[in-house]
Amino acid sequence: MVSKKVTLVNAQGFHMRPASVFATAMGKYTCNVTIKFNGNSYNAKSLLNIIAACIKCGSEIELVCDGPDENAALSEGVQMIESGLGEK
């Protein structure tokens, strides 16, 4: 299991488009990918779970990956979030 705390930088937070892009990207990995936010855990491969988390700009989340390709999933996930999910 690997994890990293990152801050969401895109102005609109995890709304429909960036949540969809993120869930699709994480879905290609076999490991479990979880977003921890406000004491709750959300499946990062599920668009609806990400939307339900209501993660706004400036929020710190922990991205947790557990499985065979966990390092690759964590690396891509962190890079996507830090780059603003294509929005900034």
N, C-alpha and C. Protein backbone atom coordinates (compact mmCIF):
# COMPACT_ATOMS: atom_id res chain seq x y z
N MET A 1 0.84 -1.18 0.00
CA MET A 1 0.00 0.00 0.00
C MET A 1 0.88 1.24 0.00
N VAL A 2 0.54 2.19 -0.87
CA VAL A 2 1.24 3.47 -0.94
C VAL A 2 0.20 4.58 -0.89
N SER A 3 0.59 5.74 -0.37
CA SER A 3 -0.35 6.85 -0.31
C SER A 3 0.41 8.17 -0.33
N LYS A 4 -0.32 9.21 -0.67
CA LYS A 4 0.26 10.56 -0.66
C LYS A 4 -0.86 11.56 -0.46
N LYS A 5 -0.57 12.60 0.33
CA LYS A 5 -1.52 13.69 0.51
C LYS A 5 -1.26 14.75 -0.56
N VAL A 6 -2.33 15.19 -1.20
CA VAL A 6 -2.24 16.21 -2.24
C VAL A 6 -3.37 17.21 -2.05
N THR A 7 -3.18 18.41 -2.59
CA THR A 7 -4.19 19.46 -2.51
C THR A 7 -4.80 19.67 -3.88
N LEU A 8 -6.11 19.68 -3.93
CA LEU A 8 -6.83 19.90 -5.18
C LEU A 8 -6.68 21.36 -5.57
N VAL A 9 -6.16 21.63 -6.78
CA VAL A 9 -5.86 23.00 -7.18
C VAL A 9 -6.81 23.56 -8.24
N ASN A 10 -7.58 22.70 -8.92
CA ASN A 10 -8.46 23.27 -9.94
C ASN A 10 -9.61 24.04 -9.29
N ALA A 11 -9.95 25.18 -9.88
CA ALA A 11 -10.87 26.15 -9.27
C ALA A 11 -12.24 25.59 -8.93
N GLN A 12 -12.76 24.68 -9.72
CA GLN A 12 -14.11 24.17 -9.51
C GLN A 12 -14.14 22.89 -8.66
N GLY A 13 -12.99 22.42 -8.20
CA GLY A 13 -12.95 21.19 -7.42
C GLY A 13 -13.23 19.97 -8.29
N PHE A 14 -13.63 18.87 -7.64
CA PHE A 14 -13.92 17.62 -8.36
C PHE A 14 -15.36 17.64 -8.84
N HIS A 15 -15.66 18.43 -9.87
CA HIS A 15 -17.00 18.41 -10.45
C HIS A 15 -17.03 17.33 -11.54
N MET A 16 -18.08 17.27 -12.31
CA MET A 16 -18.33 16.15 -13.22
C MET A 16 -17.17 15.83 -14.19
N ARG A 17 -16.67 16.82 -14.92
CA ARG A 17 -15.66 16.53 -15.92
C ARG A 17 -14.35 16.02 -15.32
N PRO A 18 -13.74 16.74 -14.36
CA PRO A 18 -12.49 16.22 -13.81
C PRO A 18 -12.68 14.91 -13.04
N ALA A 19 -13.82 14.74 -12.39
CA ALA A 19 -14.08 13.49 -11.68
C ALA A 19 -14.15 12.33 -12.67
N SER A 20 -14.78 12.57 -13.81
CA SER A 20 -14.88 11.54 -14.85
C SER A 20 -13.51 11.20 -15.42
N VAL A 21 -12.72 12.21 -15.71
CA VAL A 21 -11.37 12.00 -16.23
C VAL A 21 -10.54 11.20 -15.23
N PHE A 22 -10.64 11.56 -13.96
CA PHE A 22 -9.85 10.89 -12.92
C PHE A 22 -10.30 9.45 -12.73
N ALA A 23 -11.60 9.23 -12.62
CA ALA A 23 -12.12 7.87 -12.42
C ALA A 23 -11.75 6.97 -13.59
N THR A 24 -11.84 7.48 -14.81
CA THR A 24 -11.47 6.70 -16.00
C THR A 24 -10.00 6.34 -15.98
N ALA A 25 -9.15 7.30 -15.63
CA ALA A 25 -7.70 7.04 -15.58
C ALA A 25 -7.36 6.00 -14.51
N MET A 26 -7.99 6.09 -13.35
CA MET A 26 -7.70 5.14 -12.27
C MET A 26 -8.29 3.76 -12.57
N GLY A 27 -9.33 3.71 -13.38
CA GLY A 27 -9.98 2.45 -13.72
C GLY A 27 -9.11 1.49 -14.51
N LYS A 28 -8.07 2.00 -15.14
CA LYS A 28 -7.20 1.11 -15.92
C LYS A 28 -6.22 0.32 -15.06
N TYR A 29 -6.15 0.66 -13.78
CA TYR A 29 -5.24 -0.04 -12.86
C TYR A 29 -5.98 -1.16 -12.13
N THR A 30 -5.26 -2.24 -11.83
CA THR A 30 -5.88 -3.36 -11.13
C THR A 30 -5.93 -3.15 -9.62
N CYS A 31 -5.08 -2.27 -9.10
CA CYS A 31 -5.06 -2.03 -7.65
C CYS A 31 -6.30 -1.27 -7.22
N ASN A 32 -6.57 -1.30 -5.92
CA ASN A 32 -7.64 -0.48 -5.34
C ASN A 32 -7.12 0.95 -5.22
N VAL A 33 -7.93 1.92 -5.61
CA VAL A 33 -7.56 3.33 -5.50
C VAL A 33 -8.64 4.02 -4.67
N THR A 34 -8.22 4.63 -3.57
CA THR A 34 -9.16 5.24 -2.64
C THR A 34 -8.77 6.69 -2.37
N ILE A 35 -9.78 7.54 -2.28
CA ILE A 35 -9.57 8.92 -1.87
C ILE A 35 -10.07 9.03 -0.44
N LYS A 36 -9.20 9.51 0.46
CA LYS A 36 -9.60 9.76 1.84
C LYS A 36 -9.76 11.27 2.01
N PHE A 37 -10.96 11.66 2.47
CA PHE A 37 -11.28 13.08 2.61
C PHE A 37 -12.29 13.25 3.74
N ASN A 38 -12.00 14.16 4.64
CA ASN A 38 -12.90 14.47 5.77
C ASN A 38 -13.29 13.23 6.58
N GLY A 39 -12.35 12.33 6.78
CA GLY A 39 -12.61 11.14 7.59
C GLY A 39 -13.34 10.02 6.88
N ASN A 40 -13.62 10.19 5.59
CA ASN A 40 -14.32 9.16 4.81
C ASN A 40 -13.42 8.64 3.69
N SER A 41 -13.74 7.46 3.21
CA SER A 41 -13.01 6.86 2.10
C SER A 41 -13.95 6.71 0.91
N TYR A 42 -13.44 7.04 -0.27
CA TYR A 42 -14.23 6.98 -1.50
C TYR A 42 -13.47 6.19 -2.57
N ASN A 43 -14.20 5.38 -3.32
CA ASN A 43 -13.62 4.62 -4.41
C ASN A 43 -13.28 5.60 -5.54
N ALA A 44 -11.99 5.74 -5.84
CA ALA A 44 -11.54 6.70 -6.85
C ALA A 44 -11.77 6.21 -8.27
N LYS A 45 -12.28 5.00 -8.43
CA LYS A 45 -12.61 4.48 -9.76
C LYS A 45 -14.09 4.71 -10.08
N SER A 46 -14.81 5.30 -9.14
CA SER A 46 -16.25 5.53 -9.29
C SER A 46 -16.55 7.02 -9.41
N LEU A 47 -17.07 7.42 -10.56
CA LEU A 47 -17.45 8.82 -10.78
C LEU A 47 -18.41 9.29 -9.70
N LEU A 48 -19.42 8.50 -9.40
CA LEU A 48 -20.42 8.91 -8.42
C LEU A 48 -19.84 9.04 -7.01
N ASN A 49 -18.90 8.16 -6.67
CA ASN A 49 -18.24 8.27 -5.35
C ASN A 49 -17.44 9.55 -5.25
N ILE A 50 -16.73 9.90 -6.31
CA ILE A 50 -15.92 11.12 -6.30
C ILE A 50 -16.82 12.35 -6.19
N ILE A 51 -17.91 12.38 -6.96
CA ILE A 51 -18.85 13.50 -6.91
C ILE A 51 -19.46 13.60 -5.51
N ALA A 52 -19.81 12.46 -4.92
CA ALA A 52 -20.44 12.44 -3.59
C ALA A 52 -19.52 12.99 -2.50
N ALA A 53 -18.21 12.93 -2.73
CA ALA A 53 -17.26 13.42 -1.73
C ALA A 53 -17.28 14.94 -1.58
N CYS A 54 -17.79 15.65 -2.59
CA CYS A 54 -17.87 17.13 -2.56
C CYS A 54 -16.52 17.77 -2.24
N ILE A 55 -15.51 17.41 -3.00
CA ILE A 55 -14.16 17.91 -2.77
C ILE A 55 -13.99 19.22 -3.52
N LYS A 56 -13.73 20.30 -2.80
CA LYS A 56 -13.60 21.64 -3.36
C LYS A 56 -12.14 22.03 -3.56
N CYS A 57 -11.93 23.10 -4.30
CA CYS A 57 -10.59 23.64 -4.52
C CYS A 57 -9.92 23.95 -3.18
N GLY A 58 -8.66 23.59 -3.06
CA GLY A 58 -7.91 23.84 -1.84
C GLY A 58 -8.02 22.74 -0.80
N SER A 59 -8.86 21.75 -1.07
CA SER A 59 -9.03 20.64 -0.12
C SER A 59 -7.84 19.69 -0.19
N GLU A 60 -7.38 19.23 0.97
CA GLU A 60 -6.32 18.23 1.00
C GLU A 60 -6.96 16.85 1.08
N ILE A 61 -6.53 15.98 0.18
CA ILE A 61 -7.02 14.61 0.17
C ILE A 61 -5.82 13.68 0.27
N GLU A 62 -6.10 12.44 0.65
CA GLU A 62 -5.05 11.41 0.63
C GLU A 62 -5.45 10.39 -0.42
N LEU A 63 -4.56 10.17 -1.36
CA LEU A 63 -4.77 9.18 -2.40
C LEU A 63 -4.07 7.90 -1.96
N VAL A 64 -4.81 6.80 -1.84
CA VAL A 64 -4.27 5.54 -1.35
C VAL A 64 -4.43 4.47 -2.43
N CYS A 65 -3.34 3.81 -2.77
CA CYS A 65 -3.36 2.76 -3.79
C CYS A 65 -2.83 1.47 -3.16
N ASP A 66 -3.53 0.36 -3.40
CA ASP A 66 -3.15 -0.91 -2.80
C ASP A 66 -3.36 -2.04 -3.80
N GLY A 67 -2.25 -2.61 -4.27
CA GLY A 67 -2.34 -3.71 -5.22
C GLY A 67 -1.10 -3.79 -6.10
N PRO A 68 -1.15 -4.64 -7.11
CA PRO A 68 0.04 -4.92 -7.92
C PRO A 68 0.64 -3.72 -8.64
N ASP A 69 -0.17 -2.81 -9.13
CA ASP A 69 0.36 -1.66 -9.87
C ASP A 69 0.15 -0.35 -9.10
N GLU A 70 0.24 -0.45 -7.78
CA GLU A 70 -0.05 0.69 -6.90
C GLU A 70 0.85 1.90 -7.14
N ASN A 71 2.14 1.66 -7.39
CA ASN A 71 3.05 2.79 -7.59
C ASN A 71 2.72 3.58 -8.84
N ALA A 72 2.40 2.89 -9.92
CA ALA A 72 2.03 3.56 -11.18
C ALA A 72 0.73 4.33 -11.01
N ALA A 73 -0.24 3.74 -10.33
CA ALA A 73 -1.54 4.40 -10.11
C ALA A 73 -1.36 5.65 -9.25
N LEU A 74 -0.58 5.54 -8.19
CA LEU A 74 -0.35 6.69 -7.31
C LEU A 74 0.36 7.81 -8.06
N SER A 75 1.37 7.45 -8.82
CA SER A 75 2.12 8.44 -9.58
C SER A 75 1.22 9.20 -10.55
N GLU A 76 0.41 8.48 -11.32
CA GLU A 76 -0.48 9.14 -12.28
C GLU A 76 -1.55 9.96 -11.57
N GLY A 77 -2.13 9.41 -10.52
CA GLY A 77 -3.18 10.12 -9.79
C GLY A 77 -2.68 11.43 -9.19
N VAL A 78 -1.52 11.39 -8.56
CA VAL A 78 -0.94 12.60 -7.96
C VAL A 78 -0.62 13.63 -9.04
N GLN A 79 -0.05 13.17 -10.14
CA GLN A 79 0.30 14.08 -11.24
C GLN A 79 -0.96 14.75 -11.79
N MET A 80 -2.03 14.00 -11.95
CA MET A 80 -3.28 14.56 -12.47
C MET A 80 -3.84 15.63 -11.53
N ILE A 81 -3.86 15.33 -10.24
CA ILE A 81 -4.43 16.26 -9.26
C ILE A 81 -3.56 17.52 -9.17
N GLU A 82 -2.24 17.34 -9.11
CA GLU A 82 -1.34 18.50 -8.98
C GLU A 82 -1.34 19.37 -10.22
N SER A 83 -1.69 18.80 -11.38
CA SER A 83 -1.72 19.59 -12.62
C SER A 83 -3.09 20.24 -12.84
N GLY A 84 -4.02 20.05 -11.92
CA GLY A 84 -5.33 20.69 -12.01
C GLY A 84 -6.35 19.92 -12.84
N LEU A 85 -6.06 18.65 -13.12
CA LEU A 85 -6.99 17.79 -13.87
C LEU A 85 -7.40 18.44 -15.19
N GLY A 86 -6.44 19.12 -15.82
CA GLY A 86 -6.69 19.72 -17.11
C GLY A 86 -7.47 21.03 -17.07
N GLU A 87 -7.63 21.62 -15.87
CA GLU A 87 -8.44 22.84 -15.77
C GLU A 87 -7.71 24.08 -15.28
N LYS A 88 -7.12 24.02 -14.12
CA LYS A 88 -6.47 25.13 -13.43
C LYS A 88 -7.09 26.45 -13.71
